[in-house]
Amino acid sequence: MEITEVLRRGIVTEKTVKQQEQNKYTFEVALKATKVDVRRAIETLFNVKVEKVNIMRMPGKARLLRRRGAYPRPIEAREWKKAIVTLSEGQTIDALKA
């Protein structure tokens, strides 16, 4: 898997901004990405040293599709994968700073 295909976007929420104080950054990654792929992508794209990578699959949530003139029907959102990357001491990713 190529480096540009691994990272989808950075996730910036209240919780992830608090984690950035501990050098932990959160990204949405491709479903087929592994820890090694994420580590390589972060290190080459942002020129930082990665200590640890944690990956988790987030399940899709059931939702109702409501359309005019039709009954609401349940649809399943796609699952996605997120990675929490811990950087070495003194390293930062300025693109995700809020």
C-alpha atoms as a PDB file:
ATOM      1  CA  MET A   1       0.000   0.000   0.000  1.00  0.00           C
ATOM      2  CA  GLU A   2       1.396   3.400  -0.981  1.00  0.00           C
ATOM      3  CA  ILE A   3       2.092   6.041   1.639  1.00  0.00           C
ATOM      4  CA  THR A   4      -0.411   8.514   0.203  1.00  0.00           C
ATOM      5  CA  GLU A   5      -3.230   5.943   0.394  1.00  0.00           C
ATOM      6  CA  VAL A   6      -2.758   5.120   4.083  1.00  0.00           C
ATOM      7  CA  LEU A   7      -3.808   8.374   5.781  1.00  0.00           C
ATOM      8  CA  ARG A   8      -7.296   9.683   5.027  1.00  0.00           C
ATOM      9  CA  ARG A   9      -7.546  12.699   7.359  1.00  0.00           C
ATOM     10  CA  GLY A  10      -6.598  13.920  10.804  1.00  0.00           C
ATOM     11  CA  ILE A  11      -9.282  13.804  13.483  1.00  0.00           C
ATOM     12  CA  VAL A  12      -9.573  16.951  15.613  1.00  0.00           C
ATOM     13  CA  THR A  13     -12.060  16.777  18.501  1.00  0.00           C
ATOM     14  CA  GLU A  14     -11.912  17.949  22.105  1.00  0.00           C
ATOM     15  CA  LYS A  15     -10.592  14.572  23.213  1.00  0.00           C
ATOM     16  CA  THR A  16      -7.897  14.375  20.539  1.00  0.00           C
ATOM     17  CA  VAL A  17      -6.733  17.931  21.253  1.00  0.00           C
ATOM     18  CA  LYS A  18      -6.209  16.947  24.914  1.00  0.00           C
ATOM     19  CA  GLN A  19      -4.263  13.884  23.754  1.00  0.00           C
ATOM     20  CA  GLN A  20      -1.991  16.096  21.653  1.00  0.00           C
ATOM     21  CA  GLU A  21      -0.529  17.451  24.920  1.00  0.00           C
ATOM     22  CA  GLN A  22       0.758  13.892  25.506  1.00  0.00           C
ATOM     23  CA  ASN A  23       2.173  13.684  21.921  1.00  0.00           C
ATOM     24  CA  LYS A  24      -0.708  11.475  20.698  1.00  0.00           C
ATOM     25  CA  TYR A  25      -2.293  12.288  17.328  1.00  0.00           C
ATOM     26  CA  THR A  26      -5.370  10.647  15.806  1.00  0.00           C
ATOM     27  CA  PHE A  27      -5.906   9.875  12.111  1.00  0.00           C
ATOM     28  CA  GLU A  28      -8.512   8.139  10.007  1.00  0.00           C
ATOM     29  CA  VAL A  29      -6.681   5.504   7.977  1.00  0.00           C
ATOM     30  CA  ALA A  30      -7.489   3.043   5.199  1.00  0.00           C
ATOM     31  CA  LEU A  31      -9.207  -0.198   6.215  1.00  0.00           C
ATOM     32  CA  LYS A  32      -6.338  -2.294   4.850  1.00  0.00           C
ATOM     33  CA  ALA A  33      -3.624  -0.257   6.581  1.00  0.00           C
ATOM     34  CA  THR A  34      -1.435  -1.951   9.191  1.00  0.00           C
ATOM     35  CA  LYS A  35       0.553  -0.453  12.058  1.00  0.00           C
ATOM     36  CA  VAL A  36       3.727  -0.620   9.987  1.00  0.00           C
ATOM     37  CA  ASP A  37       2.035   1.192   7.072  1.00  0.00           C
ATOM     38  CA  VAL A  38       0.789   3.966   9.376  1.00  0.00           C
ATOM     39  CA  ARG A  39       4.210   4.341  11.021  1.00  0.00           C
ATOM     40  CA  ARG A  40       5.962   4.667   7.635  1.00  0.00           C
ATOM     41  CA  ALA A  41       3.389   7.158   6.336  1.00  0.00           C
ATOM     42  CA  ILE A  42       3.570   9.427   9.404  1.00  0.00           C
ATOM     43  CA  GLU A  43       7.363   9.368   9.555  1.00  0.00           C
ATOM     44  CA  THR A  44       7.844  10.202   5.864  1.00  0.00           C
ATOM     45  CA  LEU A  45       5.040  12.743   5.442  1.00  0.00           C
ATOM     46  CA  PHE A  46       5.621  14.739   8.654  1.00  0.00           C
ATOM     47  CA  ASN A  47       9.357  14.086   9.335  1.00  0.00           C
ATOM     48  CA  VAL A  48       8.793  12.899  12.914  1.00  0.00           C
ATOM     49  CA  LYS A  49       9.833   9.848  14.951  1.00  0.00           C
ATOM     50  CA  VAL A  50       6.932   7.533  15.902  1.00  0.00           C
ATOM     51  CA  GLU A  51       7.150   5.584  19.166  1.00  0.00           C
ATOM     52  CA  LYS A  52       3.890   3.644  19.112  1.00  0.00           C
ATOM     53  CA  VAL A  53       0.822   3.100  16.888  1.00  0.00           C
ATOM     54  CA  ASN A  54      -2.567   1.888  18.143  1.00  0.00           C
ATOM     55  CA  ILE A  55      -5.223   0.979  15.567  1.00  0.00           C
ATOM     56  CA  MET A  56      -8.921   0.303  16.089  1.00  0.00           C
ATOM     57  CA  ARG A  57     -11.846  -0.478  13.807  1.00  0.00           C
ATOM     58  CA  MET A  58     -14.875   1.728  14.315  1.00  0.00           C
ATOM     59  CA  PRO A  59     -18.179   0.012  13.455  1.00  0.00           C
ATOM     60  CA  GLY A  60     -20.699   1.654  11.145  1.00  0.00           C
ATOM     61  CA  LYS A  61     -23.787   2.969  12.926  1.00  0.00           C
ATOM     62  CA  ALA A  62     -27.318   2.007  11.888  1.00  0.00           C
ATOM     63  CA  ARG A  63     -29.205   4.995  10.455  1.00  0.00           C
ATOM     64  CA  LEU A  64     -32.584   5.619   8.872  1.00  0.00           C
ATOM     65  CA  LEU A  65     -32.733   6.851   5.293  1.00  0.00           C
ATOM     66  CA  ARG A  66     -35.763   9.107   5.014  1.00  0.00           C
ATOM     67  CA  ARG A  67     -36.998  10.094   1.561  1.00  0.00           C
ATOM     68  CA  ARG A  68     -40.043  11.931   0.406  1.00  0.00           C
ATOM     69  CA  GLY A  69     -42.863   9.614  -0.607  1.00  0.00           C
ATOM     70  CA  ALA A  70     -41.139   6.489   0.676  1.00  0.00           C
ATOM     71  CA  TYR A  71     -40.969   4.669   3.965  1.00  0.00           C
ATOM     72  CA  PRO A  72     -37.850   5.171   6.063  1.00  0.00           C
ATOM     73  CA  ARG A  73     -35.474   2.276   5.658  1.00  0.00           C
ATOM     74  CA  PRO A  74     -32.459   1.368   7.777  1.00  0.00           C
ATOM     75  CA  ILE A  75     -29.030   1.585   6.211  1.00  0.00           C
ATOM     76  CA  GLU A  76     -25.675   0.605   7.630  1.00  0.00           C
ATOM     77  CA  ALA A  77     -22.883   3.180   7.508  1.00  0.00           C
ATOM     78  CA  ARG A  78     -19.450   1.960   6.486  1.00  0.00           C
ATOM     79  CA  GLU A  79     -17.007   0.949   9.137  1.00  0.00           C
ATOM     80  CA  TRP A  80     -13.742   2.829   9.311  1.00  0.00           C
ATOM     81  CA  LYS A  81     -10.373   2.538  10.991  1.00  0.00           C
ATOM     82  CA  LYS A  82      -8.579   5.049  13.190  1.00  0.00           C
ATOM     83  CA  ALA A  83      -5.005   5.166  14.405  1.00  0.00           C
ATOM     84  CA  ILE A  84      -3.637   6.872  17.505  1.00  0.00           C
ATOM     85  CA  VAL A  85       0.035   7.661  16.926  1.00  0.00           C
ATOM     86  CA  THR A  86       2.391   8.420  19.829  1.00  0.00           C
ATOM     87  CA  LEU A  87       5.391  10.542  18.865  1.00  0.00           C
ATOM     88  CA  SER A  88       8.793  10.769  20.525  1.00  0.00           C
ATOM     89  CA  GLU A  89       9.402  13.466  23.114  1.00  0.00           C
ATOM     90  CA  GLY A  90       9.721  16.932  21.580  1.00  0.00           C
ATOM     91  CA  GLN A  91       8.126  15.955  18.227  1.00  0.00           C
ATOM     92  CA  THR A  92       4.904  17.625  17.005  1.00  0.00           C
ATOM     93  CA  ILE A  93       2.671  17.633  13.940  1.00  0.00           C
ATOM     94  CA  ASP A  94       1.761  21.259  13.283  1.00  0.00           C
ATOM     95  CA  ALA A  95      -0.887  20.422  10.662  1.00  0.00           C
ATOM     96  CA  LEU A  96      -3.227  19.070  13.386  1.00  0.00           C
ATOM     97  CA  LYS A  97      -2.713  21.794  15.987  1.00  0.00           C
ATOM     98  CA  ALA A  98      -6.040  23.422  16.829  1.00  0.00           C
END
